[in-house]
Each structure stands twice: as C-alpha cells, then as structure tokens.
Amino acid sequence: MEKKSLKNVLEIFLTLQVTKELPRQGFLYSGFKRNEADSVAAHSFSVAAFSYLFSRELKSNGIDIDSDKVLKLAMFHDMGEAITGDIGTFVKSMAKGVFDKVETEAFNMMFRNMTDNKEYMGYLEEYQKLESKESQTVKIADALDALAQGLSTPGANMDDLKLGMAKISKEKIKDKELSKIFLDCVNMMVNKEVTYFRGHFDKEDTSQQEL
C-alpha cells in the first residue's frame, strides 16, 4: 500500500476521533446535562449495530432489503459531524435543509483524497434523501437510539422525544410497513415491554431451553 493512500485513510481515522467527545446537541436543547447526552461516536456505533441486525430480521420476515447497504449507510450517516459538530433535529428543521448542505460539504472535504470518494458520497446522499427502504431503516435506528438514550436517563423530559418520534413516523418513514414497525418499536420501548439483557433469563423466556 502506498504511503499516500495510507496517509489519506489515517487522516479520516484521526478526524473521527473527535466524535468520541462530541456531544449530541439535541439532548442538551431538551434539558439534558452534558454527562447525560451521548457522543456522536457512541450514537453512530449504536445506530450501525441496530440498523444491520434490524435489517436482517426485516429480510427474514419477507421484506426486500439490502442489509449490507444498510450497514454502509449507517456507518457514514453522521461522519460529517466530525467537522461540523452535531446539530439538533429541531434546529435542522428550522434551517430547512441548510445543514444538510453544510454536512455534505464537510463530508466531501473529509473524503476528498479517498479512491472511492464518489461511492461514499453516494451513501450519504441516499441517507439524506430517505427514499429507499435502506435509508429509512437507518433513520428508524437513528430515532430509536435517541429514544433509548432518553429512556435510560432518570428524570429526562420525554415529551420532546415522543413528539419527535411521531413526527419522524409521519414525515420521514414513507414506507408504510416500516412506519408501522417503527411505531411498534417506540411503543414497546416506552411501555417497557422490552429492556436490555441483564445477563439472566426471565421465567417466561423459553429461549434458554434452546441453548
């Protein structure tokens, strides 16, 4: 591998280190303390992991979706924020697409020297358009991660988040089947029908018999 190519990819890698300490601004606008808001890096990992696993389950249930593309869209969806910083959803909606253009330009700057930069740019553009099932699946993961952060924070004001979930379902998730599944996820999480795995099985969990 040529040293120039190695330098190009290491530059992106080092730039992304910023996201480990970059707070998600939307939580701060909703009254969260800094230590209660997760980082862009933590959010991106959670979104990528859930998006991929979720899409695999969707495919297993008969929905035609490309899980590999879902993972790529999820991985790239917030990388531009390493340069722009995170902007809350409410502020983005006020700006009417202005920040998408800024984030796109930042993304272009980051990947300017990469061999396949046009391909990577295509993933970001597909996510921003939210026309494909793959991009809407990542948007679902993006929203559910915000909801999960709120639910795990004692005393958090959930009103903004609940309103946000309803708005995303109506305006962003155009696929009716995915929109319904999204709302099912929201209701299950809010009503505590499901929570994180605590390292032991509940009495009604029969899956332990299969291990």
N, C-alpha and C. Protein backbone atom coordinates (compact mmCIF):
# COMPACT_ATOMS: atom_id res chain seq x y z
N MET A 1 0.85 -1.20 0.00
CA MET A 1 0.00 0.00 0.00
C MET A 1 0.89 1.25 0.00
N GLU A 2 0.59 2.17 -0.89
CA GLU A 2 1.38 3.38 -0.97
C GLU A 2 1.19 4.25 0.27
N LYS A 3 2.25 4.94 0.64
CA LYS A 3 2.21 5.78 1.84
C LYS A 3 1.15 6.88 1.71
N LYS A 4 0.97 7.38 0.50
CA LYS A 4 -0.03 8.43 0.27
C LYS A 4 -1.44 7.92 0.59
N SER A 5 -1.75 6.71 0.14
CA SER A 5 -3.07 6.14 0.41
C SER A 5 -3.26 5.90 1.90
N LEU A 6 -2.20 5.42 2.54
CA LEU A 6 -2.26 5.18 3.98
C LEU A 6 -2.49 6.48 4.74
N LYS A 7 -1.83 7.54 4.30
CA LYS A 7 -1.99 8.85 4.92
C LYS A 7 -3.43 9.34 4.79
N ASN A 8 -4.03 9.12 3.63
CA ASN A 8 -5.40 9.58 3.39
C ASN A 8 -6.40 8.93 4.33
N VAL A 9 -6.29 7.62 4.50
CA VAL A 9 -7.26 6.92 5.35
C VAL A 9 -6.99 7.19 6.82
N LEU A 10 -5.72 7.37 7.20
CA LEU A 10 -5.40 7.70 8.59
C LEU A 10 -5.90 9.10 8.96
N GLU A 11 -5.90 10.01 7.99
CA GLU A 11 -6.42 11.36 8.25
C GLU A 11 -7.89 11.30 8.64
N ILE A 12 -8.66 10.48 7.93
CA ILE A 12 -10.08 10.32 8.26
C ILE A 12 -10.23 9.66 9.62
N PHE A 13 -9.45 8.63 9.85
CA PHE A 13 -9.50 7.91 11.13
C PHE A 13 -9.23 8.86 12.30
N LEU A 14 -8.22 9.70 12.18
CA LEU A 14 -7.88 10.64 13.25
C LEU A 14 -8.92 11.74 13.39
N THR A 15 -9.50 12.16 12.28
CA THR A 15 -10.57 13.16 12.33
C THR A 15 -11.78 12.63 13.08
N LEU A 16 -12.09 11.36 12.88
CA LEU A 16 -13.25 10.74 13.54
C LEU A 16 -13.07 10.60 15.05
N GLN A 17 -11.83 10.70 15.53
CA GLN A 17 -11.61 10.62 16.98
C GLN A 17 -12.35 11.73 17.72
N VAL A 18 -12.55 12.85 17.03
CA VAL A 18 -13.27 13.99 17.63
C VAL A 18 -14.66 13.59 18.08
N THR A 19 -15.29 12.69 17.34
CA THR A 19 -16.69 12.33 17.63
C THR A 19 -16.84 11.59 18.96
N LYS A 20 -15.74 11.08 19.51
CA LYS A 20 -15.81 10.40 20.80
C LYS A 20 -16.16 11.37 21.93
N GLU A 21 -15.78 12.64 21.75
CA GLU A 21 -16.02 13.66 22.77
C GLU A 21 -17.07 14.68 22.34
N LEU A 22 -17.68 14.46 21.19
CA LEU A 22 -18.63 15.43 20.64
C LEU A 22 -20.04 15.10 21.12
N PRO A 23 -20.64 15.97 21.95
CA PRO A 23 -21.98 15.67 22.48
C PRO A 23 -23.07 15.83 21.43
N ARG A 24 -24.12 15.08 21.59
CA ARG A 24 -25.30 15.19 20.73
C ARG A 24 -26.13 16.37 21.22
N GLN A 25 -26.19 17.43 20.42
CA GLN A 25 -26.77 18.70 20.85
C GLN A 25 -28.26 18.63 21.14
N GLY A 26 -28.97 17.78 20.42
CA GLY A 26 -30.42 17.71 20.62
C GLY A 26 -30.80 17.42 22.05
N PHE A 27 -30.02 16.59 22.73
CA PHE A 27 -30.30 16.27 24.12
C PHE A 27 -30.09 17.50 25.02
N LEU A 28 -29.07 18.28 24.73
CA LEU A 28 -28.79 19.47 25.52
C LEU A 28 -29.91 20.49 25.38
N TYR A 29 -30.46 20.61 24.16
CA TYR A 29 -31.57 21.52 23.93
C TYR A 29 -32.83 21.08 24.68
N SER A 30 -32.91 19.78 24.95
CA SER A 30 -34.08 19.24 25.65
C SER A 30 -33.90 19.22 27.17
N GLY A 31 -32.82 19.83 27.64
CA GLY A 31 -32.62 19.95 29.08
C GLY A 31 -31.72 18.91 29.70
N PHE A 32 -31.11 18.05 28.88
CA PHE A 32 -30.19 17.05 29.42
C PHE A 32 -28.88 17.72 29.85
N LYS A 33 -28.23 17.17 30.86
CA LYS A 33 -26.90 17.61 31.25
C LYS A 33 -25.89 17.02 30.28
N ARG A 34 -24.69 17.61 30.23
CA ARG A 34 -23.66 17.12 29.30
C ARG A 34 -23.36 15.64 29.53
N ASN A 35 -23.29 15.22 30.80
CA ASN A 35 -22.96 13.82 31.08
C ASN A 35 -24.13 12.88 30.81
N GLU A 36 -25.30 13.45 30.49
CA GLU A 36 -26.47 12.63 30.16
C GLU A 36 -26.65 12.47 28.65
N ALA A 37 -25.97 13.33 27.89
CA ALA A 37 -26.05 13.26 26.43
C ALA A 37 -24.93 12.36 25.92
N ASP A 38 -25.25 11.46 25.01
CA ASP A 38 -24.20 10.59 24.49
C ASP A 38 -23.36 11.32 23.45
N SER A 39 -22.29 10.69 23.02
CA SER A 39 -21.42 11.28 22.00
C SER A 39 -21.87 10.85 20.61
N VAL A 40 -21.41 11.58 19.61
CA VAL A 40 -21.72 11.23 18.23
C VAL A 40 -21.16 9.84 17.90
N ALA A 41 -19.98 9.52 18.43
CA ALA A 41 -19.37 8.21 18.18
C ALA A 41 -20.21 7.09 18.78
N ALA A 42 -20.65 7.27 20.02
CA ALA A 42 -21.48 6.25 20.67
C ALA A 42 -22.78 6.06 19.91
N HIS A 43 -23.37 7.17 19.50
CA HIS A 43 -24.61 7.12 18.73
C HIS A 43 -24.40 6.37 17.41
N SER A 44 -23.32 6.68 16.72
CA SER A 44 -23.06 6.08 15.42
C SER A 44 -22.87 4.57 15.53
N PHE A 45 -22.17 4.13 16.58
CA PHE A 45 -21.99 2.69 16.77
C PHE A 45 -23.33 2.00 17.02
N SER A 46 -24.13 2.59 17.89
CA SER A 46 -25.43 2.01 18.23
C SER A 46 -26.33 1.94 17.00
N VAL A 47 -26.34 3.01 16.21
CA VAL A 47 -27.17 3.04 15.00
C VAL A 47 -26.70 1.99 14.00
N ALA A 48 -25.39 1.87 13.81
CA ALA A 48 -24.87 0.89 12.85
C ALA A 48 -25.21 -0.53 13.28
N ALA A 49 -25.02 -0.83 14.57
CA ALA A 49 -25.28 -2.18 15.08
C ALA A 49 -26.76 -2.53 14.94
N PHE A 50 -27.63 -1.62 15.40
CA PHE A 50 -29.06 -1.91 15.34
C PHE A 50 -29.56 -1.97 13.90
N SER A 51 -29.11 -1.04 13.07
CA SER A 51 -29.55 -1.00 11.66
C SER A 51 -29.30 -2.33 10.97
N TYR A 52 -28.10 -2.85 11.16
CA TYR A 52 -27.74 -4.10 10.48
C TYR A 52 -28.57 -5.27 10.99
N LEU A 53 -28.63 -5.43 12.31
CA LEU A 53 -29.38 -6.55 12.89
C LEU A 53 -30.87 -6.43 12.57
N PHE A 54 -31.39 -5.22 12.65
CA PHE A 54 -32.80 -4.94 12.36
C PHE A 54 -33.12 -5.30 10.91
N SER A 55 -32.24 -4.88 10.00
CA SER A 55 -32.48 -5.15 8.58
C SER A 55 -32.43 -6.65 8.27
N ARG A 56 -31.58 -7.37 8.98
CA ARG A 56 -31.52 -8.83 8.79
C ARG A 56 -32.82 -9.48 9.23
N GLU A 57 -33.40 -8.98 10.33
CA GLU A 57 -34.68 -9.51 10.79
C GLU A 57 -35.81 -9.13 9.83
N LEU A 58 -35.75 -7.91 9.30
CA LEU A 58 -36.74 -7.50 8.30
C LEU A 58 -36.70 -8.43 7.10
N LYS A 59 -35.49 -8.73 6.65
CA LYS A 59 -35.32 -9.62 5.50
C LYS A 59 -35.85 -11.02 5.81
N SER A 60 -35.60 -11.49 7.02
CA SER A 60 -36.08 -12.82 7.43
C SER A 60 -37.60 -12.88 7.48
N ASN A 61 -38.22 -11.70 7.65
CA ASN A 61 -39.68 -11.62 7.70
C ASN A 61 -40.29 -11.22 6.36
N GLY A 62 -39.53 -11.39 5.29
CA GLY A 62 -40.08 -11.21 3.96
C GLY A 62 -39.96 -9.83 3.34
N ILE A 63 -39.27 -8.91 3.99
CA ILE A 63 -39.10 -7.57 3.44
C ILE A 63 -37.83 -7.52 2.59
N ASP A 64 -37.96 -7.04 1.37
CA ASP A 64 -36.83 -6.99 0.44
C ASP A 64 -35.93 -5.81 0.80
N ILE A 65 -34.77 -6.10 1.37
CA ILE A 65 -33.87 -5.05 1.82
C ILE A 65 -32.43 -5.54 1.75
N ASP A 66 -31.51 -4.63 1.44
CA ASP A 66 -30.09 -4.94 1.31
C ASP A 66 -29.38 -4.60 2.63
N SER A 67 -29.12 -5.59 3.44
CA SER A 67 -28.54 -5.36 4.77
C SER A 67 -27.12 -4.80 4.69
N ASP A 68 -26.36 -5.20 3.70
CA ASP A 68 -25.00 -4.68 3.56
C ASP A 68 -25.03 -3.18 3.26
N LYS A 69 -25.97 -2.76 2.42
CA LYS A 69 -26.09 -1.33 2.13
C LYS A 69 -26.57 -0.58 3.38
N VAL A 70 -27.48 -1.17 4.12
CA VAL A 70 -27.96 -0.56 5.36
C VAL A 70 -26.79 -0.25 6.28
N LEU A 71 -25.89 -1.21 6.44
CA LEU A 71 -24.74 -1.03 7.32
C LEU A 71 -23.85 0.11 6.83
N LYS A 72 -23.65 0.19 5.52
CA LYS A 72 -22.82 1.25 4.96
C LYS A 72 -23.46 2.62 5.17
N LEU A 73 -24.77 2.72 4.93
CA LEU A 73 -25.47 3.99 5.14
C LEU A 73 -25.37 4.42 6.60
N ALA A 74 -25.54 3.45 7.50
CA ALA A 74 -25.49 3.75 8.93
C ALA A 74 -24.10 4.22 9.34
N MET A 75 -23.09 3.58 8.81
CA MET A 75 -21.72 3.92 9.17
C MET A 75 -21.35 5.34 8.73
N PHE A 76 -21.83 5.74 7.56
CA PHE A 76 -21.46 7.05 7.02
C PHE A 76 -22.41 8.18 7.43
N HIS A 77 -23.58 7.86 8.00
CA HIS A 77 -24.65 8.85 8.09
C HIS A 77 -24.31 10.10 8.90
N ASP A 78 -23.42 10.00 9.88
CA ASP A 78 -23.08 11.17 10.70
C ASP A 78 -21.60 11.51 10.67
N MET A 79 -20.84 10.95 9.76
CA MET A 79 -19.39 11.18 9.75
C MET A 79 -19.02 12.64 9.54
N GLY A 80 -19.82 13.35 8.76
CA GLY A 80 -19.54 14.76 8.51
C GLY A 80 -19.55 15.60 9.77
N GLU A 81 -20.23 15.11 10.81
CA GLU A 81 -20.31 15.85 12.07
C GLU A 81 -18.98 15.93 12.80
N ALA A 82 -18.01 15.13 12.37
CA ALA A 82 -16.66 15.24 12.92
C ALA A 82 -16.08 16.62 12.64
N ILE A 83 -16.57 17.26 11.58
CA ILE A 83 -16.13 18.61 11.21
C ILE A 83 -17.16 19.66 11.60
N THR A 84 -18.43 19.40 11.32
CA THR A 84 -19.47 20.41 11.55
C THR A 84 -19.94 20.47 12.99
N GLY A 85 -19.73 19.38 13.75
CA GLY A 85 -20.37 19.27 15.05
C GLY A 85 -21.79 18.79 14.86
N ASP A 86 -22.41 18.36 15.95
CA ASP A 86 -23.78 17.86 15.87
C ASP A 86 -24.77 19.02 15.97
N ILE A 87 -25.80 18.97 15.16
CA ILE A 87 -26.85 19.98 15.19
C ILE A 87 -28.16 19.29 15.55
N GLY A 88 -28.88 19.82 16.52
CA GLY A 88 -30.13 19.21 16.96
C GLY A 88 -31.16 19.14 15.85
N THR A 89 -32.02 18.14 15.93
CA THR A 89 -33.05 17.92 14.91
C THR A 89 -33.96 19.13 14.75
N PHE A 90 -34.34 19.76 15.88
CA PHE A 90 -35.24 20.91 15.82
C PHE A 90 -34.60 22.06 15.06
N VAL A 91 -33.31 22.31 15.31
CA VAL A 91 -32.60 23.38 14.61
C VAL A 91 -32.49 23.05 13.12
N LYS A 92 -32.22 21.79 12.81
CA LYS A 92 -32.14 21.38 11.41
C LYS A 92 -33.45 21.62 10.67
N SER A 93 -34.56 21.34 11.35
CA SER A 93 -35.87 21.54 10.71
C SER A 93 -36.14 23.03 10.47
N MET A 94 -35.67 23.88 11.39
CA MET A 94 -35.81 25.32 11.20
C MET A 94 -35.01 25.81 10.00
N ALA A 95 -33.85 25.19 9.80
CA ALA A 95 -32.94 25.63 8.74
C ALA A 95 -33.36 25.15 7.36
N LYS A 96 -34.35 24.25 7.31
CA LYS A 96 -34.93 23.78 6.04
C LYS A 96 -33.87 23.27 5.05
N GLY A 97 -33.04 22.34 5.51
CA GLY A 97 -32.09 21.69 4.61
C GLY A 97 -30.73 22.34 4.50
N VAL A 98 -30.56 23.51 5.10
CA VAL A 98 -29.27 24.21 5.00
C VAL A 98 -28.14 23.37 5.60
N PHE A 99 -28.40 22.75 6.74
CA PHE A 99 -27.35 21.99 7.41
C PHE A 99 -26.99 20.72 6.66
N ASP A 100 -27.93 20.17 5.90
CA ASP A 100 -27.60 19.01 5.06
C ASP A 100 -26.51 19.39 4.06
N LYS A 101 -26.63 20.58 3.50
CA LYS A 101 -25.64 21.05 2.52
C LYS A 101 -24.29 21.26 3.19
N VAL A 102 -24.30 21.81 4.40
CA VAL A 102 -23.06 22.04 5.14
C VAL A 102 -22.40 20.70 5.47
N GLU A 103 -23.21 19.75 5.93
CA GLU A 103 -22.68 18.44 6.29
C GLU A 103 -22.15 17.70 5.06
N THR A 104 -22.83 17.88 3.93
CA THR A 104 -22.37 17.27 2.69
C THR A 104 -21.02 17.83 2.28
N GLU A 105 -20.86 19.13 2.41
CA GLU A 105 -19.59 19.76 2.06
C GLU A 105 -18.47 19.29 2.99
N ALA A 106 -18.78 19.18 4.27
CA ALA A 106 -17.79 18.69 5.23
C ALA A 106 -17.38 17.25 4.90
N PHE A 107 -18.37 16.45 4.55
CA PHE A 107 -18.12 15.05 4.18
C PHE A 107 -17.22 14.99 2.95
N ASN A 108 -17.51 15.83 1.97
CA ASN A 108 -16.69 15.89 0.76
C ASN A 108 -15.24 16.25 1.08
N MET A 109 -15.08 17.19 2.00
CA MET A 109 -13.73 17.60 2.40
C MET A 109 -12.99 16.45 3.06
N MET A 110 -13.67 15.73 3.94
CA MET A 110 -13.04 14.61 4.64
C MET A 110 -12.57 13.53 3.68
N PHE A 111 -13.39 13.23 2.69
CA PHE A 111 -13.13 12.09 1.80
C PHE A 111 -12.51 12.50 0.46
N ARG A 112 -12.04 13.73 0.37
CA ARG A 112 -11.58 14.29 -0.90
C ARG A 112 -10.46 13.46 -1.55
N ASN A 113 -9.62 12.82 -0.74
CA ASN A 113 -8.47 12.10 -1.29
C ASN A 113 -8.66 10.59 -1.34
N MET A 114 -9.84 10.12 -0.96
CA MET A 114 -10.09 8.68 -0.98
C MET A 114 -10.40 8.20 -2.40
N THR A 115 -9.91 7.03 -2.74
CA THR A 115 -10.08 6.49 -4.10
C THR A 115 -11.55 6.38 -4.49
N ASP A 116 -12.38 5.91 -3.57
CA ASP A 116 -13.80 5.68 -3.86
C ASP A 116 -14.69 6.75 -3.23
N ASN A 117 -14.22 8.00 -3.25
CA ASN A 117 -14.96 9.07 -2.56
C ASN A 117 -16.36 9.28 -3.12
N LYS A 118 -16.55 9.08 -4.42
CA LYS A 118 -17.89 9.26 -5.01
C LYS A 118 -18.87 8.21 -4.49
N GLU A 119 -18.37 7.00 -4.31
CA GLU A 119 -19.22 5.94 -3.76
C GLU A 119 -19.64 6.28 -2.34
N TYR A 120 -18.70 6.75 -1.53
CA TYR A 120 -19.00 7.10 -0.14
C TYR A 120 -19.99 8.27 -0.08
N MET A 121 -19.79 9.24 -0.98
CA MET A 121 -20.69 10.38 -1.03
C MET A 121 -22.10 9.92 -1.38
N GLY A 122 -22.19 8.91 -2.23
CA GLY A 122 -23.49 8.38 -2.61
C GLY A 122 -24.26 7.80 -1.44
N TYR A 123 -23.55 7.19 -0.49
CA TYR A 123 -24.22 6.64 0.69
C TYR A 123 -24.83 7.76 1.53
N LEU A 124 -24.07 8.84 1.71
CA LEU A 124 -24.60 9.96 2.49
C LEU A 124 -25.81 10.57 1.80
N GLU A 125 -25.73 10.76 0.49
CA GLU A 125 -26.84 11.36 -0.26
C GLU A 125 -28.08 10.48 -0.21
N GLU A 126 -27.89 9.17 -0.29
CA GLU A 126 -29.04 8.26 -0.22
C GLU A 126 -29.71 8.36 1.14
N TYR A 127 -28.90 8.45 2.19
CA TYR A 127 -29.47 8.58 3.53
C TYR A 127 -30.24 9.89 3.67
N GLN A 128 -29.68 10.97 3.18
CA GLN A 128 -30.33 12.27 3.31
C GLN A 128 -31.66 12.34 2.56
N LYS A 129 -31.76 11.66 1.44
CA LYS A 129 -33.00 11.68 0.64
C LYS A 129 -34.12 10.88 1.29
N LEU A 130 -33.77 9.83 2.03
CA LEU A 130 -34.74 8.98 2.73
C LEU A 130 -35.82 8.43 1.78
N GLU A 131 -35.39 8.00 0.61
CA GLU A 131 -36.33 7.44 -0.36
C GLU A 131 -36.31 5.91 -0.37
N SER A 132 -35.19 5.32 -0.07
CA SER A 132 -35.06 3.86 -0.12
C SER A 132 -35.42 3.23 1.23
N LYS A 133 -35.76 1.95 1.19
CA LYS A 133 -36.03 1.22 2.44
C LYS A 133 -34.79 1.19 3.32
N GLU A 134 -33.64 1.08 2.67
CA GLU A 134 -32.39 1.02 3.42
C GLU A 134 -32.15 2.31 4.21
N SER A 135 -32.36 3.45 3.57
CA SER A 135 -32.13 4.72 4.26
C SER A 135 -33.16 4.95 5.35
N GLN A 136 -34.40 4.56 5.11
CA GLN A 136 -35.44 4.71 6.13
C GLN A 136 -35.20 3.78 7.32
N THR A 137 -34.61 2.63 7.06
CA THR A 137 -34.26 1.71 8.14
C THR A 137 -33.21 2.34 9.05
N VAL A 138 -32.23 3.00 8.44
CA VAL A 138 -31.20 3.69 9.23
C VAL A 138 -31.82 4.85 10.01
N LYS A 139 -32.78 5.54 9.41
CA LYS A 139 -33.45 6.64 10.10
C LYS A 139 -34.22 6.12 11.31
N ILE A 140 -34.83 4.96 11.17
CA ILE A 140 -35.52 4.34 12.30
C ILE A 140 -34.53 4.08 13.43
N ALA A 141 -33.38 3.52 13.09
CA ALA A 141 -32.35 3.25 14.10
C ALA A 141 -31.86 4.54 14.74
N ASP A 142 -31.69 5.57 13.92
CA ASP A 142 -31.25 6.88 14.40
C ASP A 142 -32.22 7.44 15.44
N ALA A 143 -33.51 7.32 15.14
CA ALA A 143 -34.54 7.83 16.05
C ALA A 143 -34.65 6.98 17.32
N LEU A 144 -34.62 5.67 17.16
CA LEU A 144 -34.75 4.78 18.32
C LEU A 144 -33.57 4.92 19.27
N ASP A 145 -32.40 5.23 18.73
CA ASP A 145 -31.25 5.44 19.60
C ASP A 145 -31.44 6.67 20.48
N ALA A 146 -32.03 7.71 19.92
CA ALA A 146 -32.34 8.90 20.72
C ALA A 146 -33.36 8.58 21.80
N LEU A 147 -34.36 7.80 21.44
CA LEU A 147 -35.39 7.40 22.41
C LEU A 147 -34.78 6.56 23.52
N ALA A 148 -33.91 5.63 23.16
CA ALA A 148 -33.26 4.77 24.15
C ALA A 148 -32.42 5.58 25.13
N GLN A 149 -31.73 6.60 24.61
CA GLN A 149 -30.92 7.45 25.48
C GLN A 149 -31.80 8.19 26.48
N GLY A 150 -32.94 8.68 26.01
CA GLY A 150 -33.86 9.36 26.91
C GLY A 150 -34.44 8.44 27.96
N LEU A 151 -34.82 7.25 27.55
CA LEU A 151 -35.43 6.29 28.48
C LEU A 151 -34.44 5.81 29.54
N SER A 152 -33.15 5.85 29.23
CA SER A 152 -32.14 5.39 30.18
C SER A 152 -31.62 6.50 31.08
N THR A 153 -32.16 7.71 30.91
CA THR A 153 -31.72 8.86 31.71
C THR A 153 -32.78 9.22 32.73
N PRO A 154 -32.52 9.00 34.03
CA PRO A 154 -33.51 9.30 35.07
C PRO A 154 -33.94 10.77 35.04
N GLY A 155 -35.24 11.00 35.11
CA GLY A 155 -35.76 12.36 35.15
C GLY A 155 -35.78 13.08 33.82
N ALA A 156 -35.48 12.37 32.75
CA ALA A 156 -35.46 13.01 31.43
C ALA A 156 -36.86 13.43 31.01
N ASN A 157 -36.94 14.59 30.37
CA ASN A 157 -38.21 15.07 29.82
C ASN A 157 -38.45 14.36 28.49
N MET A 158 -39.40 13.45 28.49
CA MET A 158 -39.63 12.62 27.32
C MET A 158 -40.60 13.23 26.32
N ASP A 159 -41.23 14.35 26.68
CA ASP A 159 -42.26 14.92 25.80
C ASP A 159 -41.70 15.26 24.42
N ASP A 160 -40.52 15.93 24.40
CA ASP A 160 -39.92 16.30 23.11
C ASP A 160 -39.61 15.07 22.27
N LEU A 161 -39.08 14.04 22.94
CA LEU A 161 -38.71 12.83 22.21
C LEU A 161 -39.92 12.11 21.64
N LYS A 162 -41.00 12.04 22.42
CA LYS A 162 -42.20 11.36 21.94
C LYS A 162 -42.81 12.11 20.76
N LEU A 163 -42.82 13.43 20.85
CA LEU A 163 -43.31 14.22 19.72
C LEU A 163 -42.44 14.02 18.49
N GLY A 164 -41.13 13.94 18.74
CA GLY A 164 -40.20 13.72 17.65
C GLY A 164 -40.41 12.39 16.96
N MET A 165 -40.69 11.35 17.74
CA MET A 165 -40.94 10.03 17.16
C MET A 165 -42.16 10.05 16.25
N ALA A 166 -43.22 10.71 16.70
CA ALA A 166 -44.45 10.79 15.91
C ALA A 166 -44.21 11.56 14.61
N LYS A 167 -43.41 12.62 14.70
CA LYS A 167 -43.12 13.43 13.52
C LYS A 167 -42.27 12.65 12.52
N ILE A 168 -41.30 11.91 13.02
CA ILE A 168 -40.44 11.11 12.14
C ILE A 168 -41.26 10.05 11.42
N SER A 169 -42.16 9.40 12.16
CA SER A 169 -43.01 8.38 11.56
C SER A 169 -43.85 8.95 10.43
N LYS A 170 -44.36 10.15 10.64
CA LYS A 170 -45.26 10.77 9.67
C LYS A 170 -44.52 11.37 8.48
N GLU A 171 -43.37 12.00 8.73
CA GLU A 171 -42.71 12.79 7.69
C GLU A 171 -41.49 12.12 7.06
N LYS A 172 -40.84 11.23 7.78
CA LYS A 172 -39.57 10.67 7.30
C LYS A 172 -39.67 9.22 6.82
N ILE A 173 -40.47 8.41 7.50
CA ILE A 173 -40.57 6.99 7.15
C ILE A 173 -41.74 6.81 6.19
N LYS A 174 -41.48 6.95 4.91
CA LYS A 174 -42.54 6.93 3.90
C LYS A 174 -43.09 5.53 3.64
N ASP A 175 -42.27 4.52 3.84
CA ASP A 175 -42.73 3.15 3.64
C ASP A 175 -43.71 2.79 4.76
N LYS A 176 -44.95 2.49 4.41
CA LYS A 176 -45.99 2.28 5.42
C LYS A 176 -45.69 1.12 6.35
N GLU A 177 -45.14 0.06 5.79
CA GLU A 177 -44.83 -1.11 6.62
C GLU A 177 -43.72 -0.78 7.62
N LEU A 178 -42.69 -0.08 7.15
CA LEU A 178 -41.60 0.31 8.05
C LEU A 178 -42.07 1.31 9.10
N SER A 179 -42.97 2.21 8.70
CA SER A 179 -43.50 3.19 9.64
C SER A 179 -44.26 2.51 10.78
N LYS A 180 -45.05 1.51 10.43
CA LYS A 180 -45.79 0.76 11.45
C LYS A 180 -44.84 0.02 12.39
N ILE A 181 -43.83 -0.61 11.81
CA ILE A 181 -42.85 -1.33 12.63
C ILE A 181 -42.12 -0.36 13.55
N PHE A 182 -41.79 0.81 13.03
CA PHE A 182 -41.13 1.84 13.84
C PHE A 182 -41.98 2.22 15.05
N LEU A 183 -43.26 2.49 14.82
CA LEU A 183 -44.14 2.86 15.93
C LEU A 183 -44.32 1.71 16.91
N ASP A 184 -44.31 0.48 16.41
CA ASP A 184 -44.37 -0.68 17.30
C ASP A 184 -43.14 -0.69 18.22
N CYS A 185 -41.98 -0.41 17.64
CA CYS A 185 -40.74 -0.36 18.43
C CYS A 185 -40.82 0.73 19.49
N VAL A 186 -41.29 1.91 19.09
CA VAL A 186 -41.42 3.03 20.03
C VAL A 186 -42.33 2.66 21.19
N ASN A 187 -43.49 2.11 20.88
CA ASN A 187 -44.45 1.75 21.93
C ASN A 187 -43.90 0.67 22.86
N MET A 188 -43.22 -0.32 22.30
CA MET A 188 -42.65 -1.38 23.12
C MET A 188 -41.59 -0.83 24.07
N MET A 189 -40.80 0.12 23.59
CA MET A 189 -39.74 0.70 24.43
C MET A 189 -40.32 1.61 25.50
N VAL A 190 -41.25 2.47 25.11
CA VAL A 190 -41.85 3.41 26.06
C VAL A 190 -42.64 2.68 27.13
N ASN A 191 -43.35 1.63 26.75
CA ASN A 191 -44.17 0.86 27.69
C ASN A 191 -43.38 -0.21 28.44
N LYS A 192 -42.06 -0.21 28.18
CA LYS A 192 -41.15 -1.16 28.86
C LYS A 192 -41.54 -2.62 28.64
N GLU A 193 -42.05 -2.91 27.45
CA GLU A 193 -42.31 -4.30 27.09
C GLU A 193 -41.01 -5.05 26.81
N VAL A 194 -39.96 -4.29 26.58
CA VAL A 194 -38.64 -4.87 26.34
C VAL A 194 -37.60 -3.94 26.95
N THR A 195 -36.54 -4.52 27.48
CA THR A 195 -35.44 -3.73 28.02
C THR A 195 -34.13 -4.44 27.71
N TYR A 196 -33.03 -3.91 28.18
CA TYR A 196 -31.74 -4.51 27.85
C TYR A 196 -31.56 -5.86 28.56
N PHE A 197 -30.73 -6.72 27.98
CA PHE A 197 -30.48 -8.04 28.55
C PHE A 197 -29.60 -7.89 29.78
N ARG A 198 -30.07 -8.39 30.90
CA ARG A 198 -29.38 -8.19 32.18
C ARG A 198 -28.43 -9.34 32.53
N GLY A 199 -28.25 -10.26 31.63
CA GLY A 199 -27.33 -11.35 31.89
C GLY A 199 -27.98 -12.57 32.52
N HIS A 200 -29.30 -12.54 32.64
CA HIS A 200 -30.01 -13.71 33.14
C HIS A 200 -31.36 -13.80 32.43
N PHE A 201 -31.97 -14.95 32.47
CA PHE A 201 -33.23 -15.17 31.77
C PHE A 201 -34.42 -14.94 32.69
N ASP A 202 -35.47 -14.31 32.17
CA ASP A 202 -36.74 -14.22 32.90
C ASP A 202 -37.44 -15.56 32.83
N LYS A 203 -38.37 -15.79 33.73
CA LYS A 203 -39.06 -17.08 33.79
C LYS A 203 -39.80 -17.40 32.50
N GLU A 204 -40.36 -16.34 31.86
CA GLU A 204 -41.15 -16.58 30.65
C GLU A 204 -40.28 -16.69 29.40
N ASP A 205 -38.98 -16.52 29.54
CA ASP A 205 -38.08 -16.59 28.39
C ASP A 205 -37.70 -18.04 28.13
N THR A 206 -38.33 -18.65 27.13
CA THR A 206 -38.11 -20.07 26.84
C THR A 206 -36.86 -20.31 26.00
N SER A 207 -36.23 -19.23 25.53
CA SER A 207 -35.06 -19.40 24.66
C SER A 207 -33.91 -20.08 25.38
N GLN A 208 -33.87 -19.99 26.73
CA GLN A 208 -32.78 -20.62 27.47
C GLN A 208 -32.79 -22.13 27.29
N GLN A 209 -33.97 -22.69 26.98
CA GLN A 209 -34.07 -24.13 26.79
C GLN A 209 -33.39 -24.57 25.50
N GLU A 210 -33.15 -23.62 24.61
CA GLU A 210 -32.56 -23.94 23.32
C GLU A 210 -31.05 -23.80 23.33
N LEU A 211 -30.48 -23.26 24.41
CA LEU A 211 -29.04 -23.02 24.48
C LEU A 211 -28.29 -24.27 24.91
